[in-house]
Amino acid sequence: MKIVRQPQVLIGMLEGGEFVDKFQNELDATLKALTESAGPKGKASGHVTVKLALKVEAGMVTITPNLTSKKPEEEFGPSTFWVTEEGHLSTQHPRQSDMFDGPRDVSNREQA
């Protein structure tokens, strides 16, 4: 009778030995994503979780592994817009829009 006493042996046997490769791939992908997110001097955190569901029935146990991970989400920088009186977005300040239309015609101005 072969008894499995060590968790690493059990994990290596799950799914006919294929689960451990999936686990390693997920760990590698998570570490790569964390390294890219942190940059040379930054920080990033995440996790890889292995969960084993156990079901005992008639003297047998069925073990179903589950693998999840949390990688850092890509962060996006803010963009600033103005809201017009009609409620539309504008890239120009609503009260300064004429300053971007070019020089104003001053030929009709009265002399003081």
Protein backbone atom coordinates (compact mmCIF):
# COMPACT_ATOMS: atom_id res chain seq x y z
CA MET A 1 0.00 0.00 0.00
CA LYS A 2 1.48 3.34 -1.07
CA ILE A 3 0.67 6.11 1.37
CA VAL A 4 0.89 9.77 0.32
CA ARG A 5 2.24 11.69 3.29
CA GLN A 6 3.74 14.83 1.76
CA PRO A 7 1.64 17.63 0.24
CA GLN A 8 4.15 18.27 -2.55
CA VAL A 9 3.81 14.64 -3.65
CA LEU A 10 0.02 14.91 -3.61
CA ILE A 11 0.06 18.12 -5.68
CA GLY A 12 2.45 16.48 -8.12
CA MET A 13 -0.03 13.62 -8.62
CA LEU A 14 -3.16 15.71 -9.24
CA GLU A 15 -4.66 15.51 -12.74
CA GLY A 16 -2.19 12.84 -13.71
CA GLY A 17 0.75 15.12 -12.92
CA GLU A 18 -0.47 17.98 -15.13
CA PHE A 19 -1.78 20.22 -12.34
CA VAL A 20 1.70 21.02 -11.05
CA ASP A 21 2.65 22.36 -14.51
CA LYS A 22 -0.47 24.58 -14.54
CA PHE A 23 0.42 25.76 -11.04
CA GLN A 24 3.99 26.59 -12.10
CA ASN A 25 2.76 28.45 -15.21
CA GLU A 26 0.33 30.52 -13.15
CA LEU A 27 3.02 31.31 -10.59
CA ASP A 28 5.43 32.38 -13.36
CA ALA A 29 2.78 34.54 -15.07
CA THR A 30 1.87 36.22 -11.79
CA LEU A 31 5.50 36.94 -10.92
CA LYS A 32 6.10 38.39 -14.39
CA ALA A 33 3.02 40.64 -14.11
CA LEU A 34 4.10 41.82 -10.65
CA THR A 35 7.64 42.54 -11.82
CA GLU A 36 6.39 44.56 -14.80
CA SER A 37 3.90 46.45 -12.66
CA ALA A 38 6.43 47.28 -9.94
CA GLY A 39 9.14 48.51 -12.25
CA PRO A 40 12.73 48.77 -11.05
CA LYS A 41 12.00 50.56 -7.75
CA GLY A 42 8.27 50.14 -7.18
CA LYS A 43 6.11 47.66 -5.36
CA ALA A 44 3.30 45.37 -6.52
CA SER A 45 1.40 42.60 -4.81
CA GLY A 46 -0.75 39.71 -5.87
CA HIS A 47 -1.31 36.06 -5.03
CA VAL A 48 -1.65 32.54 -6.37
CA THR A 49 -4.09 30.31 -4.52
CA VAL A 50 -4.35 26.54 -4.68
CA LYS A 51 -7.58 25.19 -3.23
CA LEU A 52 -8.26 21.48 -2.87
CA ALA A 53 -11.90 20.39 -2.71
CA LEU A 54 -12.22 17.06 -0.91
CA LYS A 55 -15.17 14.70 -1.22
CA VAL A 56 -15.26 11.45 0.78
CA GLU A 57 -17.64 8.74 -0.31
CA ALA A 58 -17.61 4.98 0.35
CA GLY A 59 -14.07 5.00 1.71
CA MET A 60 -12.62 6.97 -1.23
CA VAL A 61 -11.67 10.61 -1.45
CA THR A 62 -11.97 12.65 -4.63
CA ILE A 63 -9.65 15.65 -4.73
CA THR A 64 -10.43 18.45 -7.16
CA PRO A 65 -7.86 21.25 -7.36
CA ASN A 66 -8.71 24.87 -8.08
CA LEU A 67 -6.13 27.45 -9.08
CA THR A 68 -6.72 31.21 -8.93
CA SER A 69 -4.45 34.22 -9.02
CA LYS A 70 -4.61 37.95 -8.59
CA LYS A 71 -2.35 40.01 -10.77
CA PRO A 72 -2.06 43.79 -10.63
CA GLU A 73 -4.49 45.66 -12.82
CA GLU A 74 -3.13 48.07 -15.37
CA GLU A 75 -3.43 51.61 -14.10
CA PHE A 76 -4.43 54.44 -16.40
CA GLY A 77 -3.61 58.11 -15.93
CA PRO A 78 -6.31 60.74 -15.55
CA SER A 79 -7.49 63.02 -18.35
CA THR A 80 -9.10 66.40 -17.73
CA PHE A 81 -12.01 67.81 -19.70
CA TRP A 82 -14.50 70.62 -19.20
CA VAL A 83 -18.26 70.35 -19.23
CA THR A 84 -20.16 72.78 -21.46
CA GLU A 85 -23.42 74.41 -20.44
CA GLU A 86 -25.20 71.81 -22.59
CA GLY A 87 -23.52 69.00 -20.62
CA HIS A 88 -21.03 67.92 -23.31
CA LEU A 89 -17.33 67.21 -22.82
CA SER A 90 -14.88 69.73 -24.22
CA THR A 91 -11.10 69.81 -24.45
CA GLN A 92 -11.26 73.60 -24.16
CA HIS A 93 -12.48 75.73 -21.29
CA PRO A 94 -16.00 76.84 -22.28
CA ARG A 95 -15.31 80.50 -21.46
CA GLN A 96 -12.01 80.55 -23.33
CA SER A 97 -12.95 78.79 -26.53
CA ASP A 98 -12.60 81.92 -28.65
CA MET A 99 -8.91 82.25 -27.79
CA PHE A 100 -8.24 79.05 -29.76
CA ASP A 101 -10.08 80.16 -32.90
CA GLY A 102 -7.21 82.39 -34.03
CA PRO A 103 -6.76 86.18 -33.97
CA ARG A 104 -9.91 88.28 -33.66
CA ASP A 105 -10.74 90.92 -36.24
CA VAL A 106 -10.16 94.32 -34.67
CA SER A 107 -10.66 96.47 -37.78
CA ASN A 108 -14.19 97.52 -36.72
CA ARG A 109 -13.17 98.62 -33.23
CA GLU A 110 -13.74 102.23 -32.38
CA GLN A 111 -10.76 104.36 -31.47
CA ALA A 112 -10.91 105.80 -27.98
